[in-house]
PDB file of N, CA and C in Angstrom:
ATOM      1  N   MET A   1       8.584  15.629   1.858  1.00  0.00           N
ATOM      2  CA  MET A   1       7.959  15.456   0.573  1.00  0.00           C
ATOM      3  C   MET A   1       6.534  15.994   0.649  1.00  0.00           C
ATOM      4  N   ALA A   2       6.120  16.646  -0.404  1.00  0.00           N
ATOM      5  CA  ALA A   2       4.779  17.218  -0.450  1.00  0.00           C
ATOM      6  C   ALA A   2       3.741  16.120  -0.637  1.00  0.00           C
ATOM      7  N   GLY A   3       2.622  16.258   0.069  1.00  0.00           N
ATOM      8  CA  GLY A   3       1.505  15.348  -0.115  1.00  0.00           C
ATOM      9  C   GLY A   3       0.588  15.883  -1.193  1.00  0.00           C
ATOM     10  N   LEU A   4      -0.417  15.105  -1.546  1.00  0.00           N
ATOM     11  CA  LEU A   4      -1.343  15.520  -2.594  1.00  0.00           C
ATOM     12  C   LEU A   4      -2.029  16.831  -2.226  1.00  0.00           C
ATOM     13  N   GLY A   5      -2.367  17.022  -0.954  1.00  0.00           N
ATOM     14  CA  GLY A   5      -2.986  18.277  -0.526  1.00  0.00           C
ATOM     15  C   GLY A   5      -2.086  19.478  -0.781  1.00  0.00           C
ATOM     16  N   ASP A   6      -0.782  19.308  -0.542  1.00  0.00           N
ATOM     17  CA  ASP A   6       0.175  20.387  -0.806  1.00  0.00           C
ATOM     18  C   ASP A   6       0.244  20.693  -2.300  1.00  0.00           C
ATOM     19  N   LEU A   7       0.210  19.647  -3.106  1.00  0.00           N
ATOM     20  CA  LEU A   7       0.265  19.861  -4.557  1.00  0.00           C
ATOM     21  C   LEU A   7      -1.005  20.524  -5.068  1.00  0.00           C
ATOM     22  N   VAL A   8      -2.136  20.200  -4.491  1.00  0.00           N
ATOM     23  CA  VAL A   8      -3.394  20.852  -4.887  1.00  0.00           C
ATOM     24  C   VAL A   8      -3.309  22.346  -4.578  1.00  0.00           C
ATOM     25  N   GLN A   9      -2.726  22.700  -3.429  1.00  0.00           N
ATOM     26  CA  GLN A   9      -2.552  24.121  -3.096  1.00  0.00           C
ATOM     27  C   GLN A   9      -1.638  24.803  -4.104  1.00  0.00           C
ATOM     28  N   LEU A  10      -0.613  24.112  -4.542  1.00  0.00           N
ATOM     29  CA  LEU A  10       0.352  24.679  -5.479  1.00  0.00           C
ATOM     30  C   LEU A  10      -0.199  24.735  -6.905  1.00  0.00           C
ATOM     31  N   LEU A  11      -0.841  23.673  -7.353  1.00  0.00           N
ATOM     32  CA  LEU A  11      -1.268  23.555  -8.748  1.00  0.00           C
ATOM     33  C   LEU A  11      -2.723  23.937  -8.984  1.00  0.00           C
ATOM     34  N   GLY A  12      -3.484  24.077  -7.916  1.00  0.00           N
ATOM     35  CA  GLY A  12      -4.905  24.343  -8.059  1.00  0.00           C
ATOM     36  C   GLY A  12      -5.680  23.043  -8.045  1.00  0.00           C
ATOM     37  N   PRO A  13      -6.983  23.142  -7.899  1.00  0.00           N
ATOM     38  CA  PRO A  13      -7.789  21.924  -7.818  1.00  0.00           C
ATOM     39  C   PRO A  13      -7.727  21.145  -9.130  1.00  0.00           C
ATOM     40  N   PRO A  14      -7.708  19.829  -9.026  1.00  0.00           N
ATOM     41  CA  PRO A  14      -7.669  19.017 -10.247  1.00  0.00           C
ATOM     42  C   PRO A  14      -9.028  19.027 -10.945  1.00  0.00           C
ATOM     43  N   PRO A  15      -9.034  18.682 -12.228  1.00  0.00           N
ATOM     44  CA  PRO A  15     -10.315  18.576 -12.934  1.00  0.00           C
ATOM     45  C   PRO A  15     -11.100  17.388 -12.373  1.00  0.00           C
ATOM     46  N   VAL A  16     -12.374  17.368 -12.658  1.00  0.00           N
ATOM     47  CA  VAL A  16     -13.196  16.243 -12.227  1.00  0.00           C
ATOM     48  C   VAL A  16     -12.812  15.038 -13.084  1.00  0.00           C
ATOM     49  N   ARG A  17     -12.397  13.981 -12.413  1.00  0.00           N
ATOM     50  CA  ARG A  17     -11.987  12.761 -13.105  1.00  0.00           C
ATOM     51  C   ARG A  17     -12.659  11.582 -12.412  1.00  0.00           C
ATOM     52  N   HIS A  18     -12.763  10.489 -13.094  1.00  0.00           N
ATOM     53  CA  HIS A  18     -13.376   9.282 -12.535  1.00  0.00           C
ATOM     54  C   HIS A  18     -12.428   8.106 -12.751  1.00  0.00           C
ATOM     55  N   PRO A  19     -11.305   8.093 -12.019  1.00  0.00           N
ATOM     56  CA  PRO A  19     -10.347   6.997 -12.208  1.00  0.00           C
ATOM     57  C   PRO A  19     -10.892   5.685 -11.658  1.00  0.00           C
ATOM     58  N   SER A  20     -10.344   4.629 -12.163  1.00  0.00           N
ATOM     59  CA  SER A  20     -10.715   3.292 -11.710  1.00  0.00           C
ATOM     60  C   SER A  20      -9.486   2.631 -11.091  1.00  0.00           C
ATOM     61  N   PRO A  21      -9.655   1.887 -10.012  1.00  0.00           N
ATOM     62  CA  PRO A  21      -8.510   1.161  -9.447  1.00  0.00           C
ATOM     63  C   PRO A  21      -7.876   0.224 -10.474  1.00  0.00           C
ATOM     64  N   ASP A  22      -8.659  -0.204 -11.455  1.00  0.00           N
ATOM     65  CA  ASP A  22      -8.140  -1.091 -12.492  1.00  0.00           C
ATOM     66  C   ASP A  22      -7.201  -0.383 -13.464  1.00  0.00           C
ATOM     67  N   ASP A  23      -7.204   0.952 -13.473  1.00  0.00           N
ATOM     68  CA  ASP A  23      -6.352   1.706 -14.398  1.00  0.00           C
ATOM     69  C   ASP A  23      -4.886   1.301 -14.284  1.00  0.00           C
ATOM     70  N   TRP A  24      -4.454   0.963 -13.084  1.00  0.00           N
ATOM     71  CA  TRP A  24      -3.030   0.715 -12.840  1.00  0.00           C
ATOM     72  C   TRP A  24      -2.628  -0.746 -12.949  1.00  0.00           C
ATOM     73  N   ALA A  25      -3.578  -1.676 -12.979  1.00  0.00           N
ATOM     74  CA  ALA A  25      -3.272  -3.106 -12.936  1.00  0.00           C
ATOM     75  C   ALA A  25      -2.355  -3.541 -14.085  1.00  0.00           C
ATOM     76  N   GLU A  26      -2.660  -3.125 -15.292  1.00  0.00           N
ATOM     77  CA  GLU A  26      -1.859  -3.540 -16.444  1.00  0.00           C
ATOM     78  C   GLU A  26      -0.453  -2.934 -16.399  1.00  0.00           C
ATOM     79  N   VAL A  27      -0.352  -1.683 -15.994  1.00  0.00           N
ATOM     80  CA  VAL A  27       0.962  -1.030 -15.883  1.00  0.00           C
ATOM     81  C   VAL A  27       1.803  -1.728 -14.822  1.00  0.00           C
ATOM     82  N   GLU A  28       1.222  -1.983 -13.666  1.00  0.00           N
ATOM     83  CA  GLU A  28       1.968  -2.634 -12.586  1.00  0.00           C
ATOM     84  C   GLU A  28       2.337  -4.067 -12.965  1.00  0.00           C
ATOM     85  N   GLY A  29       1.495  -4.729 -13.725  1.00  0.00           N
ATOM     86  CA  GLY A  29       1.834  -6.054 -14.219  1.00  0.00           C
ATOM     87  C   GLY A  29       3.027  -6.013 -15.152  1.00  0.00           C
ATOM     88  N   TYR A  30       3.080  -5.012 -16.017  1.00  0.00           N
ATOM     89  CA  TYR A  30       4.195  -4.850 -16.946  1.00  0.00           C
ATOM     90  C   TYR A  30       5.487  -4.551 -16.196  1.00  0.00           C
ATOM     91  N   VAL A  31       5.398  -3.688 -15.183  1.00  0.00           N
ATOM     92  CA  VAL A  31       6.564  -3.308 -14.387  1.00  0.00           C
ATOM     93  C   VAL A  31       6.981  -4.456 -13.469  1.00  0.00           C
ATOM     94  N   GLY A  32       6.018  -5.246 -13.046  1.00  0.00           N
ATOM     95  CA  GLY A  32       6.300  -6.347 -12.129  1.00  0.00           C
ATOM     96  C   GLY A  32       6.329  -5.924 -10.679  1.00  0.00           C
ATOM     97  N   SER A  33       5.720  -4.779 -10.395  1.00  0.00           N
ATOM     98  CA  SER A  33       5.715  -4.250  -9.034  1.00  0.00           C
ATOM     99  C   SER A  33       4.607  -3.214  -8.899  1.00  0.00           C
ATOM    100  N   ALA A  34       4.141  -3.044  -7.684  1.00  0.00           N
ATOM    101  CA  ALA A  34       3.185  -1.969  -7.418  1.00  0.00           C
ATOM    102  C   ALA A  34       3.910  -0.628  -7.524  1.00  0.00           C
ATOM    103  N   LEU A  35       3.222   0.369  -8.029  1.00  0.00           N
ATOM    104  CA  LEU A  35       3.776   1.726  -8.081  1.00  0.00           C
ATOM    105  C   LEU A  35       3.377   2.464  -6.812  1.00  0.00           C
ATOM    106  N   PRO A  36       4.137   3.489  -6.437  1.00  0.00           N
ATOM    107  CA  PRO A  36       3.824   4.220  -5.206  1.00  0.00           C
ATOM    108  C   PRO A  36       2.402   4.800  -5.218  1.00  0.00           C
ATOM    109  N   GLY A  37       1.719   4.657  -4.101  1.00  0.00           N
ATOM    110  CA  GLY A  37       0.349   5.133  -3.980  1.00  0.00           C
ATOM    111  C   GLY A  37       0.198   6.619  -4.214  1.00  0.00           C
ATOM    112  N   ASP A  38       1.172   7.423  -3.741  1.00  0.00           N
ATOM    113  CA  ASP A  38       1.053   8.870  -3.933  1.00  0.00           C
ATOM    114  C   ASP A  38       1.223   9.255  -5.402  1.00  0.00           C
ATOM    115  N   PHE A  39       2.057   8.516  -6.126  1.00  0.00           N
ATOM    116  CA  PHE A  39       2.230   8.742  -7.564  1.00  0.00           C
ATOM    117  C   PHE A  39       0.916   8.472  -8.288  1.00  0.00           C
ATOM    118  N   LYS A  40       0.285   7.333  -7.975  1.00  0.00           N
ATOM    119  CA  LYS A  40      -0.977   6.980  -8.617  1.00  0.00           C
ATOM    120  C   LYS A  40      -2.081   7.961  -8.221  1.00  0.00           C
ATOM    121  N   ALA A  41      -2.117   8.374  -6.960  1.00  0.00           N
ATOM    122  CA  ALA A  41      -3.148   9.321  -6.512  1.00  0.00           C
ATOM    123  C   ALA A  41      -3.011  10.653  -7.245  1.00  0.00           C
ATOM    124  N   PHE A  42      -1.776  11.119  -7.429  1.00  0.00           N
ATOM    125  CA  PHE A  42      -1.554  12.375  -8.150  1.00  0.00           C
ATOM    126  C   PHE A  42      -2.046  12.259  -9.592  1.00  0.00           C
ATOM    127  N   LEU A  43      -1.652  11.187 -10.277  1.00  0.00           N
ATOM    128  CA  LEU A  43      -2.065  11.032 -11.665  1.00  0.00           C
ATOM    129  C   LEU A  43      -3.559  10.744 -11.799  1.00  0.00           C
ATOM    130  N   ASP A  44      -4.133  10.051 -10.831  1.00  0.00           N
ATOM    131  CA  ASP A  44      -5.583   9.843 -10.854  1.00  0.00           C
ATOM    132  C   ASP A  44      -6.311  11.176 -10.700  1.00  0.00           C
ATOM    133  N   ALA A  45      -5.727  12.072  -9.920  1.00  0.00           N
ATOM    134  CA  ALA A  45      -6.354  13.379  -9.700  1.00  0.00           C
ATOM    135  C   ALA A  45      -6.169  14.315 -10.897  1.00  0.00           C
ATOM    136  N   TYR A  46      -4.942  14.397 -11.422  1.00  0.00           N
ATOM    137  CA  TYR A  46      -4.632  15.388 -12.457  1.00  0.00           C
ATOM    138  C   TYR A  46      -4.558  14.819 -13.867  1.00  0.00           C
ATOM    139  N   GLY A  47      -4.266  13.534 -14.011  1.00  0.00           N
ATOM    140  CA  GLY A  47      -4.183  12.929 -15.335  1.00  0.00           C
ATOM    141  C   GLY A  47      -2.900  13.287 -16.060  1.00  0.00           C
ATOM    142  N   THR A  48      -2.857  12.926 -17.309  1.00  0.00           N
ATOM    143  CA  THR A  48      -1.707  13.193 -18.177  1.00  0.00           C
ATOM    144  C   THR A  48      -1.531  14.696 -18.350  1.00  0.00           C
ATOM    145  N   GLY A  49      -0.278  15.135 -18.359  1.00  0.00           N
ATOM    146  CA  GLY A  49      -0.024  16.553 -18.599  1.00  0.00           C
ATOM    147  C   GLY A  49       1.399  16.941 -18.303  1.00  0.00           C
ATOM    148  N   ALA A  50       1.660  18.235 -18.394  1.00  0.00           N
ATOM    149  CA  ALA A  50       2.988  18.787 -18.132  1.00  0.00           C
ATOM    150  C   ALA A  50       2.889  19.736 -16.943  1.00  0.00           C
ATOM    151  N   ILE A  51       3.875  19.669 -16.087  1.00  0.00           N
ATOM    152  CA  ILE A  51       3.932  20.531 -14.913  1.00  0.00           C
ATOM    153  C   ILE A  51       4.982  21.588 -15.173  1.00  0.00           C
ATOM    154  N   CYS A  52       4.550  22.840 -15.167  1.00  0.00           N
ATOM    155  CA  CYS A  52       5.443  23.981 -15.422  1.00  0.00           C
ATOM    156  C   CYS A  52       6.163  23.846 -16.758  1.00  0.00           C
ATOM    157  N   GLY A  53       5.576  23.141 -17.698  1.00  0.00           N
ATOM    158  CA  GLY A  53       6.172  22.987 -19.012  1.00  0.00           C
ATOM    159  C   GLY A  53       7.455  22.169 -19.017  1.00  0.00           C
ATOM    160  N   GLU A  54       7.761  21.505 -17.922  1.00  0.00           N
ATOM    161  CA  GLU A  54       9.030  20.771 -17.807  1.00  0.00           C
ATOM    162  C   GLU A  54       8.851  19.284 -17.548  1.00  0.00           C
ATOM    163  N   LEU A  55       8.033  18.939 -16.585  1.00  0.00           N
ATOM    164  CA  LEU A  55       7.856  17.554 -16.176  1.00  0.00           C
ATOM    165  C   LEU A  55       6.580  17.015 -16.810  1.00  0.00           C
ATOM    166  N   VAL A  56       6.732  16.017 -17.658  1.00  0.00           N
ATOM    167  CA  VAL A  56       5.588  15.436 -18.342  1.00  0.00           C
ATOM    168  C   VAL A  56       5.242  14.117 -17.656  1.00  0.00           C
ATOM    169  N   VAL A  57       3.975  13.947 -17.311  1.00  0.00           N
ATOM    170  CA  VAL A  57       3.502  12.737 -16.637  1.00  0.00           C
ATOM    171  C   VAL A  57       2.374  12.127 -17.456  1.00  0.00           C
ATOM    172  N   PHE A  58       2.257  10.811 -17.366  1.00  0.00           N
ATOM    173  CA  PHE A  58       1.281  10.091 -18.167  1.00  0.00           C
ATOM    174  C   PHE A  58       0.436   9.186 -17.289  1.00  0.00           C
ATOM    175  N   HIS A  59      -0.866   9.182 -17.524  1.00  0.00           N
ATOM    176  CA  HIS A  59      -1.809   8.322 -16.812  1.00  0.00           C
ATOM    177  C   HIS A  59      -2.111   7.120 -17.720  1.00  0.00           C
ATOM    178  N   PRO A  60      -2.428   5.969 -17.129  1.00  0.00           N
ATOM    179  CA  PRO A  60      -2.728   4.799 -17.957  1.00  0.00           C
ATOM    180  C   PRO A  60      -3.868   5.007 -18.949  1.00  0.00           C
ATOM    181  N   ARG A  61      -4.810   5.881 -18.630  1.00  0.00           N
ATOM    182  CA  ARG A  61      -5.955   6.099 -19.518  1.00  0.00           C
ATOM    183  C   ARG A  61      -5.926   7.498 -20.143  1.00  0.00           C
ATOM    184  N   GLY A  62      -4.751   8.105 -20.194  1.00  0.00           N
ATOM    185  CA  GLY A  62      -4.638   9.449 -20.749  1.00  0.00           C
ATOM    186  C   GLY A  62      -4.614   9.462 -22.263  1.00  0.00           C
ATOM    187  N   SER A  63      -4.455  10.648 -22.818  1.00  0.00           N
ATOM    188  CA  SER A  63      -4.421  10.803 -24.278  1.00  0.00           C
ATOM    189  C   SER A  63      -3.211  10.107 -24.889  1.00  0.00           C
ATOM    190  N   SER A  64      -2.179   9.934 -24.113  1.00  0.00           N
ATOM    191  CA  SER A  64      -1.005   9.160 -24.513  1.00  0.00           C
ATOM    192  C   SER A  64      -0.779   8.148 -23.388  1.00  0.00           C
ATOM    193  N   PRO A  65      -1.425   6.980 -23.457  1.00  0.00           N
ATOM    194  CA  PRO A  65      -1.427   6.044 -22.340  1.00  0.00           C
ATOM    195  C   PRO A  65      -0.029   5.631 -21.863  1.00  0.00           C
ATOM    196  N   LEU A  66       0.122   5.595 -20.556  1.00  0.00           N
ATOM    197  CA  LEU A  66       1.402   5.293 -19.922  1.00  0.00           C
ATOM    198  C   LEU A  66       1.996   3.979 -20.416  1.00  0.00           C
ATOM    199  N   LEU A  67       1.231   2.916 -20.445  1.00  0.00           N
ATOM    200  CA  LEU A  67       1.777   1.623 -20.826  1.00  0.00           C
ATOM    201  C   LEU A  67       2.260   1.617 -22.274  1.00  0.00           C
ATOM    202  N   ASP A  68       1.532   2.256 -23.166  1.00  0.00           N
ATOM    203  CA  ASP A  68       1.987   2.357 -24.560  1.00  0.00           C
ATOM    204  C   ASP A  68       3.338   3.046 -24.632  1.00  0.00           C
ATOM    205  N   ARG A  69       3.494   4.129 -23.884  1.00  0.00           N
ATOM    206  CA  ARG A  69       4.760   4.867 -23.877  1.00  0.00           C
ATOM    207  C   ARG A  69       5.878   4.021 -23.288  1.00  0.00           C
ATOM    208  N   MET A  70       5.571   3.307 -22.205  1.00  0.00           N
ATOM    209  CA  MET A  70       6.585   2.463 -21.576  1.00  0.00           C
ATOM    210  C   MET A  70       7.074   1.393 -22.558  1.00  0.00           C
ATOM    211  N   ARG A  71       6.169   0.766 -23.270  1.00  0.00           N
ATOM    212  CA  ARG A  71       6.544  -0.270 -24.236  1.00  0.00           C
ATOM    213  C   ARG A  71       7.412   0.296 -25.351  1.00  0.00           C
ATOM    214  N   LYS A  72       7.057   1.473 -25.870  1.00  0.00           N
ATOM    215  CA  LYS A  72       7.849   2.101 -26.935  1.00  0.00           C
ATOM    216  C   LYS A  72       9.256   2.445 -26.448  1.00  0.00           C
ATOM    217  N   ILE A  73       9.347   2.999 -25.238  1.00  0.00           N
ATOM    218  CA  ILE A  73      10.656   3.350 -24.680  1.00  0.00           C
ATOM    219  C   ILE A  73      11.483   2.096 -24.441  1.00  0.00           C
ATOM    220  N   HIS A  74      10.870   1.054 -23.918  1.00  0.00           N
ATOM    221  CA  HIS A  74      11.573  -0.205 -23.665  1.00  0.00           C
ATOM    222  C   HIS A  74      12.114  -0.776 -24.969  1.00  0.00           C
ATOM    223  N   GLU A  75      11.309  -0.770 -26.023  1.00  0.00           N
ATOM    224  CA  GLU A  75      11.747  -1.284 -27.321  1.00  0.00           C
ATOM    225  C   GLU A  75      12.876  -0.430 -27.888  1.00  0.00           C
ATOM    226  N   SER A  76      12.737   0.878 -27.803  1.00  0.00           N
ATOM    227  CA  SER A  76      13.774   1.780 -28.314  1.00  0.00           C
ATOM    228  C   SER A  76      15.087   1.585 -27.563  1.00  0.00           C
ATOM    229  N   PHE A  77      15.009   1.486 -26.242  1.00  0.00           N
ATOM    230  CA  PHE A  77      16.217   1.256 -25.453  1.00  0.00           C
ATOM    231  C   PHE A  77      16.829  -0.098 -25.810  1.00  0.00           C
ATOM    232  N   GLY A  78      15.988  -1.117 -25.958  1.00  0.00           N
ATOM    233  CA  GLY A  78      16.490  -2.445 -26.313  1.00  0.00           C
ATOM    234  C   GLY A  78      17.233  -2.438 -27.632  1.00  0.00           C
ATOM    235  N   GLN A  79      16.720  -1.709 -28.607  1.00  0.00           N
ATOM    236  CA  GLN A  79      17.398  -1.607 -29.898  1.00  0.00           C
ATOM    237  C   GLN A  79      18.751  -0.913 -29.740  1.00  0.00           C
ATOM    238  N   SER A  80      18.784   0.162 -28.962  1.00  0.00           N
ATOM    239  CA  SER A  80      20.049   0.872 -28.726  1.00  0.00           C
ATOM    240  C   SER A  80      21.045  -0.029 -28.012  1.00  0.00           C
ATOM    241  N   TRP A  81      20.561  -0.773 -27.034  1.00  0.00           N
ATOM    242  CA  TRP A  81      21.428  -1.661 -26.262  1.00  0.00           C
ATOM    243  C   TRP A  81      21.996  -2.758 -27.150  1.00  0.00           C
ATOM    244  N   ARG A  82      21.159  -3.323 -28.019  1.00  0.00           N
ATOM    245  CA  ARG A  82      21.632  -4.395 -28.898  1.00  0.00           C
ATOM    246  C   ARG A  82      22.650  -3.876 -29.909  1.00  0.00           C
ATOM    247  N   ARG A  83      22.515  -2.630 -30.357  1.00  0.00           N
ATOM    248  CA  ARG A  83      23.466  -2.049 -31.303  1.00  0.00           C
ATOM    249  C   ARG A  83      24.815  -1.775 -30.651  1.00  0.00           C
ATOM    250  N   ASP A  84      24.789  -1.306 -29.394  1.00  0.00           N
ATOM    251  CA  ASP A  84      26.036  -0.895 -28.745  1.00  0.00           C
ATOM    252  C   ASP A  84      25.937  -1.084 -27.240  1.00  0.00           C
ATOM    253  N   SER A  85      25.943  -2.338 -26.813  1.00  0.00           N
ATOM    254  CA  SER A  85      25.748  -2.640 -25.381  1.00  0.00           C
ATOM    255  C   SER A  85      26.874  -2.104 -24.507  1.00  0.00           C
ATOM    256  N   ASP A  86      28.047  -1.821 -25.082  1.00  0.00           N
ATOM    257  CA  ASP A  86      29.143  -1.260 -24.271  1.00  0.00           C
ATOM    258  C   ASP A  86      28.807   0.118 -23.707  1.00  0.00           C
ATOM    259  N   LYS A  87      27.891   0.838 -24.331  1.00  0.00           N
ATOM    260  CA  LYS A  87      27.479   2.139 -23.825  1.00  0.00           C
ATOM    261  C   LYS A  87      26.561   2.029 -22.616  1.00  0.00           C
ATOM    262  N   TYR A  88      26.055   0.816 -22.362  1.00  0.00           N
ATOM    263  CA  TYR A  88      25.106   0.597 -21.285  1.00  0.00           C
ATOM    264  C   TYR A  88      25.611  -0.559 -20.396  1.00  0.00           C
ATOM    265  N   PRO A  89      26.701  -0.350 -19.676  1.00  0.00           N
ATOM    266  CA  PRO A  89      27.333  -1.446 -18.939  1.00  0.00           C
ATOM    267  C   PRO A  89      26.490  -2.003 -17.779  1.00  0.00           C
ATOM    268  N   HIS A  90      25.506  -1.269 -17.314  1.00  0.00           N
ATOM    269  CA  HIS A  90      24.720  -1.700 -16.155  1.00  0.00           C
ATOM    270  C   HIS A  90      23.299  -2.069 -16.534  1.00  0.00           C
ATOM    271  N   SER A  91      23.091  -2.431 -17.787  1.00  0.00           N
ATOM    272  CA  SER A  91      21.751  -2.706 -18.269  1.00  0.00           C
ATOM    273  C   SER A  91      21.702  -4.019 -19.017  1.00  0.00           C
ATOM    274  N   GLU A  92      20.485  -4.560 -19.063  1.00  0.00           N
ATOM    275  CA  GLU A  92      20.182  -5.711 -19.927  1.00  0.00           C
ATOM    276  C   GLU A  92      18.923  -5.400 -20.681  1.00  0.00           C
ATOM    277  N   ALA A  93      18.904  -5.717 -21.937  1.00  0.00           N
ATOM    278  CA  ALA A  93      17.693  -5.475 -22.730  1.00  0.00           C
ATOM    279  C   ALA A  93      16.717  -6.606 -22.537  1.00  0.00           C
TER     280      ALA A  93
END
């Protein structure tokens, strides 16, 4: 697996950012678990954006905050599950 240094070589240097360790506390509280350190380090370095126009990533303090998106997706999935739970046999809303 590539480390952050490898990704910097591939993607170029990240913009100057000033992340706070507190940025992730609310997201991890919502998830109920710590997120991987390398994932947080990458997003702290590069922030919200799209990689090669395909992979979209969100930072907790980005223009489209991660936790807001997670809540919307959770609600949307919950509505779908309640309408037709047979389509989601391995899930609970």
